């Protein structure tokens, strides 16, 4: 029986989360011509309410830290769920990366179309930048997990708790 490597799943979620947040903030500023602090504020608003939304989309340490807490918690949880599926399906590195890309696109659709009933501000971020950032999140998640937890590797008790 294959056991999930929780350490690799969490690390893959964090790595993918860093890639996502970096892409989102850089592309919103360079391609979209908007403040890079808009995406973290939208994420923080999940926990803090819509009062933290721009304008102005300026840096605020408390808002940024709440955004990172929410974002990386979700990234790690998604990484664990992905790892469970990837291990059950026994996906290769390539298959895992492709499946991750598909997952990233599904997460985009869920967040920006399904969750707008609860968080209506997500609708204003629909578009190419968010689609690309989510696709890259998934691709990196799938690749990173399988690279850190190759098929056939037996996970020891120490690795599962690390």
Protein backbone atom coordinates (compact mmCIF):
# COMPACT_ATOMS: atom_id res chain seq x y z
CA UNK A 1 0.00 0.00 0.00
CA UNK A 2 1.35 3.41 -0.95
CA UNK A 3 1.29 5.97 1.83
CA UNK A 4 1.19 9.67 1.23
CA UNK A 5 4.34 11.61 1.98
CA UNK A 6 2.78 14.45 4.01
CA UNK A 7 6.04 16.34 4.21
CA UNK A 8 6.43 16.35 0.41
CA UNK A 9 2.76 17.27 -0.02
CA UNK A 10 3.05 20.24 2.34
CA UNK A 11 6.32 21.39 0.78
CA UNK A 12 4.86 21.09 -2.73
CA UNK A 13 1.86 23.16 -1.60
CA UNK A 14 4.15 25.85 -0.19
CA UNK A 15 6.37 25.92 -3.29
CA UNK A 16 3.34 26.13 -5.58
CA UNK A 17 1.82 28.78 -3.32
CA UNK A 18 4.95 30.92 -3.57
CA UNK A 19 4.96 30.59 -7.36
CA UNK A 20 1.27 31.50 -7.51
CA UNK A 21 1.53 34.55 -5.26
CA UNK A 22 4.64 35.82 -7.02
CA UNK A 23 3.08 35.43 -10.47
CA UNK A 24 -0.21 36.96 -9.39
CA UNK A 25 1.39 40.03 -7.80
CA UNK A 26 3.97 40.60 -10.56
CA UNK A 27 1.54 40.08 -13.44
CA UNK A 28 -1.22 42.19 -11.88
CA UNK A 29 1.31 45.04 -11.64
CA UNK A 30 3.08 44.58 -14.99
CA UNK A 31 0.36 43.28 -17.29
CA UNK A 32 -2.70 44.65 -15.53
CA UNK A 33 -1.21 47.96 -14.46
CA UNK A 34 -2.75 47.63 -11.01
CA UNK A 35 -1.33 47.48 -7.50
CA UNK A 36 0.45 44.24 -6.63
CA UNK A 37 -1.17 44.47 -3.18
CA UNK A 38 -4.66 43.88 -4.63
CA UNK A 39 -4.42 40.05 -4.75
CA UNK A 40 -3.24 39.68 -1.13
CA UNK A 41 -6.05 42.01 -0.02
CA UNK A 42 -8.60 39.87 -1.88
CA UNK A 43 -7.28 36.77 -0.12
CA UNK A 44 -7.20 38.47 3.30
CA UNK A 45 -10.81 39.56 2.79
CA UNK A 46 -11.83 35.89 3.02
CA UNK A 47 -10.95 36.03 6.72
CA UNK A 48 -11.15 39.76 7.48
CA UNK A 49 -14.17 40.82 5.44
CA UNK A 50 -14.56 43.06 2.42
CA UNK A 51 -13.51 46.15 4.37
CA UNK A 52 -9.85 45.37 3.55
CA UNK A 53 -10.41 45.48 -0.20
CA UNK A 54 -8.95 48.27 -2.32
CA UNK A 55 -8.96 51.10 -3.00
CA UNK A 56 -6.39 51.95 -2.00
CA UNK A 57 -4.49 48.74 -2.68
CA UNK A 58 -1.50 49.65 -0.58
CA UNK A 59 0.72 47.50 1.60
CA UNK A 60 -0.54 46.76 5.09
CA UNK A 61 1.47 44.26 7.16
CA UNK A 62 -1.51 42.85 9.07
CA UNK A 63 -3.56 42.35 5.92
CA UNK A 64 -0.57 40.81 4.14
CA UNK A 65 0.11 38.37 6.99
CA UNK A 66 -3.54 37.30 7.15
CA UNK A 67 -3.51 36.82 3.37
CA UNK A 68 -0.41 34.64 3.58
CA UNK A 69 -1.87 32.59 6.43
CA UNK A 70 -5.08 31.93 4.45
CA UNK A 71 -3.23 31.36 1.17
CA UNK A 72 -0.61 28.95 2.48
CA UNK A 73 -3.08 27.04 4.63
CA UNK A 74 -5.19 26.42 1.54
CA UNK A 75 -2.09 25.63 -0.55
CA UNK A 76 -0.93 22.99 1.92
CA UNK A 77 -4.40 21.43 2.21
CA UNK A 78 -4.72 21.30 -1.57
CA UNK A 79 -1.23 19.78 -1.74
CA UNK A 80 -2.25 17.00 0.66
CA UNK A 81 -5.47 16.23 -1.25
CA UNK A 82 -3.56 16.26 -4.53
CA UNK A 83 -0.90 13.92 -3.10
CA UNK A 84 -3.56 11.44 -1.98
CA UNK A 85 -5.04 11.35 -5.48
CA UNK A 86 -1.65 11.26 -7.22
CA UNK A 87 -0.49 8.37 -5.07
CA UNK A 88 -3.71 6.38 -5.51
CA UNK A 89 -3.57 6.92 -9.27
CA UNK A 90 0.19 6.25 -9.28
CA UNK A 91 0.85 9.18 -11.60
CA UNK A 92 4.30 9.58 -13.11
CA UNK A 93 6.11 12.92 -12.90
CA UNK A 94 4.67 14.04 -16.24
CA UNK A 95 1.15 12.82 -15.47
CA UNK A 96 1.29 14.46 -12.04
CA UNK A 97 2.33 17.80 -13.56
CA UNK A 98 -0.42 17.63 -16.18
CA UNK A 99 -3.02 16.61 -13.61
CA UNK A 100 -1.82 19.44 -11.39
CA UNK A 101 -2.28 21.91 -14.24
CA UNK A 102 -5.84 20.65 -14.65
CA UNK A 103 -6.39 21.00 -10.92
CA UNK A 104 -5.12 24.58 -11.03
CA UNK A 105 -7.63 25.42 -13.75
CA UNK A 106 -10.41 23.71 -11.79
CA UNK A 107 -9.46 25.73 -8.70
CA UNK A 108 -9.63 28.91 -10.79
CA UNK A 109 -13.14 28.01 -12.00
CA UNK A 110 -14.26 27.13 -8.48
CA UNK A 111 -12.85 30.30 -6.93
CA UNK A 112 -13.83 32.81 -9.60
CA UNK A 113 -17.22 31.41 -10.57
CA UNK A 114 -18.43 29.14 -7.75
CA UNK A 115 -17.19 31.10 -4.73
CA UNK A 116 -18.36 34.49 -6.00
CA UNK A 117 -21.68 33.79 -4.29
CA UNK A 118 -19.85 33.98 -0.95
CA UNK A 119 -16.95 36.25 -1.92
CA UNK A 120 -18.27 38.50 -4.71
CA UNK A 121 -15.00 40.43 -5.02
CA UNK A 122 -13.41 37.41 -6.74
CA UNK A 123 -15.40 38.26 -9.87
CA UNK A 124 -13.36 41.41 -10.45
CA UNK A 125 -10.16 39.34 -10.72
CA UNK A 126 -11.39 37.01 -13.44
CA UNK A 127 -9.10 36.96 -16.43
CA UNK A 128 -5.91 35.78 -18.07
CA UNK A 129 -3.58 36.69 -15.22
CA UNK A 130 -5.54 34.67 -12.67
CA UNK A 131 -6.07 31.77 -15.07
CA UNK A 132 -2.33 31.62 -15.79
CA UNK A 133 -1.31 31.93 -12.12
CA UNK A 134 -3.71 29.14 -11.11
CA UNK A 135 -2.57 26.89 -13.96
CA UNK A 136 1.05 27.41 -12.91
CA UNK A 137 0.16 26.75 -9.27
CA UNK A 138 -1.25 23.37 -10.25
CA UNK A 139 1.58 22.49 -12.62
CA UNK A 140 4.21 23.31 -10.00
CA UNK A 141 2.24 21.47 -7.29
CA UNK A 142 2.00 18.30 -9.36
CA UNK A 143 5.62 18.41 -10.48
CA UNK A 144 7.03 19.31 -7.06
CA UNK A 145 5.08 16.63 -5.22
CA UNK A 146 6.06 13.82 -7.54
CA UNK A 147 9.68 15.03 -7.68
CA UNK A 148 9.86 14.91 -3.88
CA UNK A 149 7.84 11.68 -3.52
CA UNK A 150 8.72 9.42 -6.45
CA UNK A 151 6.50 6.45 -7.27
CA UNK A 152 7.35 3.28 -5.43
CA UNK A 153 9.03 5.11 -2.57
CA UNK A 154 8.10 3.75 0.82
CA UNK A 155 7.42 6.49 3.36
CA UNK A 156 8.75 5.88 6.84
CA UNK A 157 7.07 6.99 10.03
CA UNK A 158 9.66 9.77 10.44
CA UNK A 159 9.01 11.17 6.94
CA UNK A 160 5.27 11.23 7.49
CA UNK A 161 5.60 13.31 10.62
CA UNK A 162 8.35 15.62 9.34
